[in-house]
């Protein structure tokens, strides 16, 4: 996702609110990116329930661990990279994932 200067400024303002633990900013972040991240994750995991859980885990991790402290706009690549880590953990620990399937996500 490309972002222009105005979008980056809006994301910087959103990040400042998130870093201040503003719940409304966190909800805004979820509304902005939750669906796109779910679609992305579903494409990797091919299971809607697991993909939904992975996206929920991502947002919980962001809130609890303050992972957003190291984020800079544009936010989507950062969120996607964090979600990739969760998806990899899911595929590595899944008893139904075959070795060949794991290689797809390496």
C-alpha atoms as a PDB file:
ATOM      1  CA  UNK A   1       0.000   0.000   0.000  1.00  0.00           C
ATOM      2  CA  UNK A   2       1.446   3.317  -1.039  1.00  0.00           C
ATOM      3  CA  UNK A   3       0.739   6.264   1.136  1.00  0.00           C
ATOM      4  CA  UNK A   4       1.018   9.931   0.347  1.00  0.00           C
ATOM      5  CA  UNK A   5       2.305  12.687   2.599  1.00  0.00           C
ATOM      6  CA  UNK A   6      -1.130  13.514   4.013  1.00  0.00           C
ATOM      7  CA  UNK A   7      -1.751   9.851   4.888  1.00  0.00           C
ATOM      8  CA  UNK A   8       1.675   9.627   6.537  1.00  0.00           C
ATOM      9  CA  UNK A   9       0.967  12.707   8.630  1.00  0.00           C
ATOM     10  CA  UNK A  10      -2.346  11.174   9.708  1.00  0.00           C
ATOM     11  CA  UNK A  11      -0.551   7.930  10.607  1.00  0.00           C
ATOM     12  CA  UNK A  12       2.063   9.823  12.651  1.00  0.00           C
ATOM     13  CA  UNK A  13      -0.773  11.510  14.565  1.00  0.00           C
ATOM     14  CA  UNK A  14      -2.464   8.133  15.041  1.00  0.00           C
ATOM     15  CA  UNK A  15       0.804   6.632  16.304  1.00  0.00           C
ATOM     16  CA  UNK A  16       1.191   9.412  18.852  1.00  0.00           C
ATOM     17  CA  UNK A  17      -2.316   8.682  20.133  1.00  0.00           C
ATOM     18  CA  UNK A  18      -1.587   4.954  20.215  1.00  0.00           C
ATOM     19  CA  UNK A  19       1.635   5.510  22.139  1.00  0.00           C
ATOM     20  CA  UNK A  20      -0.393   7.540  24.648  1.00  0.00           C
ATOM     21  CA  UNK A  21      -2.624   4.438  25.032  1.00  0.00           C
ATOM     22  CA  UNK A  22      -5.677   6.096  23.479  1.00  0.00           C
ATOM     23  CA  UNK A  23      -8.303   3.364  23.089  1.00  0.00           C
ATOM     24  CA  UNK A  24     -10.134   5.244  20.331  1.00  0.00           C
ATOM     25  CA  UNK A  25      -6.936   5.431  18.298  1.00  0.00           C
ATOM     26  CA  UNK A  26      -6.464   1.699  18.763  1.00  0.00           C
ATOM     27  CA  UNK A  27     -10.007   1.058  17.503  1.00  0.00           C
ATOM     28  CA  UNK A  28      -9.312   3.345  14.552  1.00  0.00           C
ATOM     29  CA  UNK A  29      -6.188   1.326  13.726  1.00  0.00           C
ATOM     30  CA  UNK A  30      -8.221  -1.880  13.820  1.00  0.00           C
ATOM     31  CA  UNK A  31     -10.920  -0.366  11.612  1.00  0.00           C
ATOM     32  CA  UNK A  32      -8.328   0.888   9.130  1.00  0.00           C
ATOM     33  CA  UNK A  33      -6.361  -2.337   8.766  1.00  0.00           C
ATOM     34  CA  UNK A  34      -8.218  -5.240  10.401  1.00  0.00           C
ATOM     35  CA  UNK A  35     -10.056  -6.443   7.288  1.00  0.00           C
ATOM     36  CA  UNK A  36      -7.026  -6.161   4.991  1.00  0.00           C
ATOM     37  CA  UNK A  37      -4.882  -8.034   7.496  1.00  0.00           C
ATOM     38  CA  UNK A  38      -7.515 -10.748   7.850  1.00  0.00           C
ATOM     39  CA  UNK A  39      -7.645 -11.237   4.076  1.00  0.00           C
ATOM     40  CA  UNK A  40      -3.849 -11.353   3.927  1.00  0.00           C
ATOM     41  CA  UNK A  41      -3.641 -13.845   6.786  1.00  0.00           C
ATOM     42  CA  UNK A  42      -6.408 -16.025   5.358  1.00  0.00           C
ATOM     43  CA  UNK A  43      -4.408 -16.222   2.130  1.00  0.00           C
ATOM     44  CA  UNK A  44      -1.472 -17.582   4.101  1.00  0.00           C
ATOM     45  CA  UNK A  45      -3.290 -19.905   6.493  1.00  0.00           C
ATOM     46  CA  UNK A  46      -6.309 -20.914   4.381  1.00  0.00           C
ATOM     47  CA  UNK A  47      -8.478 -21.133   7.498  1.00  0.00           C
ATOM     48  CA  UNK A  48     -10.790 -18.263   8.439  1.00  0.00           C
ATOM     49  CA  UNK A  49     -11.027 -19.170  12.133  1.00  0.00           C
ATOM     50  CA  UNK A  50      -7.256 -19.422  12.565  1.00  0.00           C
ATOM     51  CA  UNK A  51      -6.691 -16.276  10.492  1.00  0.00           C
ATOM     52  CA  UNK A  52      -9.205 -14.360  12.611  1.00  0.00           C
ATOM     53  CA  UNK A  53      -7.477 -15.546  15.783  1.00  0.00           C
ATOM     54  CA  UNK A  54      -4.074 -14.549  14.379  1.00  0.00           C
ATOM     55  CA  UNK A  55      -5.287 -11.009  13.614  1.00  0.00           C
ATOM     56  CA  UNK A  56      -6.831 -10.770  17.084  1.00  0.00           C
ATOM     57  CA  UNK A  57      -3.527 -11.956  18.555  1.00  0.00           C
ATOM     58  CA  UNK A  58      -1.689  -9.286  16.575  1.00  0.00           C
ATOM     59  CA  UNK A  59      -3.838  -6.476  17.921  1.00  0.00           C
ATOM     60  CA  UNK A  60      -3.677  -7.858  21.452  1.00  0.00           C
ATOM     61  CA  UNK A  61       0.126  -8.029  21.180  1.00  0.00           C
ATOM     62  CA  UNK A  62       0.253  -4.459  19.901  1.00  0.00           C
ATOM     63  CA  UNK A  63      -1.801  -3.239  22.831  1.00  0.00           C
ATOM     64  CA  UNK A  64      -0.127  -5.269  25.575  1.00  0.00           C
ATOM     65  CA  UNK A  65       3.499  -5.192  24.464  1.00  0.00           C
ATOM     66  CA  UNK A  66       3.522  -1.653  23.161  1.00  0.00           C
ATOM     67  CA  UNK A  67       5.048  -2.962  19.935  1.00  0.00           C
ATOM     68  CA  UNK A  68       3.939   0.194  18.184  1.00  0.00           C
ATOM     69  CA  UNK A  69       6.756   2.114  19.852  1.00  0.00           C
ATOM     70  CA  UNK A  70       9.076   1.019  17.042  1.00  0.00           C
ATOM     71  CA  UNK A  71       6.581   1.560  14.223  1.00  0.00           C
ATOM     72  CA  UNK A  72       6.820   4.334  11.660  1.00  0.00           C
ATOM     73  CA  UNK A  73       4.468   5.166   8.804  1.00  0.00           C
ATOM     74  CA  UNK A  74       3.373   3.632   6.602  1.00  0.00           C
ATOM     75  CA  UNK A  75       1.857   1.314   9.191  1.00  0.00           C
ATOM     76  CA  UNK A  76       0.538  -1.461   6.941  1.00  0.00           C
ATOM     77  CA  UNK A  77       3.973  -2.969   6.183  1.00  0.00           C
ATOM     78  CA  UNK A  78       4.810  -2.958   9.900  1.00  0.00           C
ATOM     79  CA  UNK A  79       1.492  -4.609  10.794  1.00  0.00           C
ATOM     80  CA  UNK A  80       1.895  -7.159   8.003  1.00  0.00           C
ATOM     81  CA  UNK A  81       5.421  -8.064   9.172  1.00  0.00           C
ATOM     82  CA  UNK A  82       4.188  -8.534  12.754  1.00  0.00           C
ATOM     83  CA  UNK A  83       1.307 -10.672  11.472  1.00  0.00           C
ATOM     84  CA  UNK A  84       3.742 -12.761   9.406  1.00  0.00           C
ATOM     85  CA  UNK A  85       5.523 -13.698  12.646  1.00  0.00           C
ATOM     86  CA  UNK A  86       2.256 -14.856  14.179  1.00  0.00           C
ATOM     87  CA  UNK A  87       1.270 -16.793  11.043  1.00  0.00           C
ATOM     88  CA  UNK A  88       4.663 -18.500  10.995  1.00  0.00           C
ATOM     89  CA  UNK A  89       4.234 -19.545  14.631  1.00  0.00           C
ATOM     90  CA  UNK A  90       0.777 -20.908  13.809  1.00  0.00           C
ATOM     91  CA  UNK A  91       2.012 -22.940  10.837  1.00  0.00           C
ATOM     92  CA  UNK A  92       5.091 -24.183  12.706  1.00  0.00           C
ATOM     93  CA  UNK A  93       3.007 -25.380  15.659  1.00  0.00           C
ATOM     94  CA  UNK A  94       0.041 -26.713  13.711  1.00  0.00           C
ATOM     95  CA  UNK A  95      -0.185 -30.518  13.867  1.00  0.00           C
ATOM     96  CA  UNK A  96      -2.005 -30.532  10.535  1.00  0.00           C
ATOM     97  CA  UNK A  97       0.686 -28.553   8.717  1.00  0.00           C
ATOM     98  CA  UNK A  98       2.776 -30.840   6.583  1.00  0.00           C
ATOM     99  CA  UNK A  99       6.506 -30.137   6.081  1.00  0.00           C
ATOM    100  CA  UNK A 100       5.779 -29.100   2.490  1.00  0.00           C
ATOM    101  CA  UNK A 101       3.115 -26.632   3.676  1.00  0.00           C
ATOM    102  CA  UNK A 102       5.527 -25.118   6.224  1.00  0.00           C
ATOM    103  CA  UNK A 103       8.003 -24.428   3.419  1.00  0.00           C
ATOM    104  CA  UNK A 104       5.430 -22.229   1.707  1.00  0.00           C
ATOM    105  CA  UNK A 105       5.617 -19.786   4.602  1.00  0.00           C
ATOM    106  CA  UNK A 106       9.371 -19.671   5.091  1.00  0.00           C
END
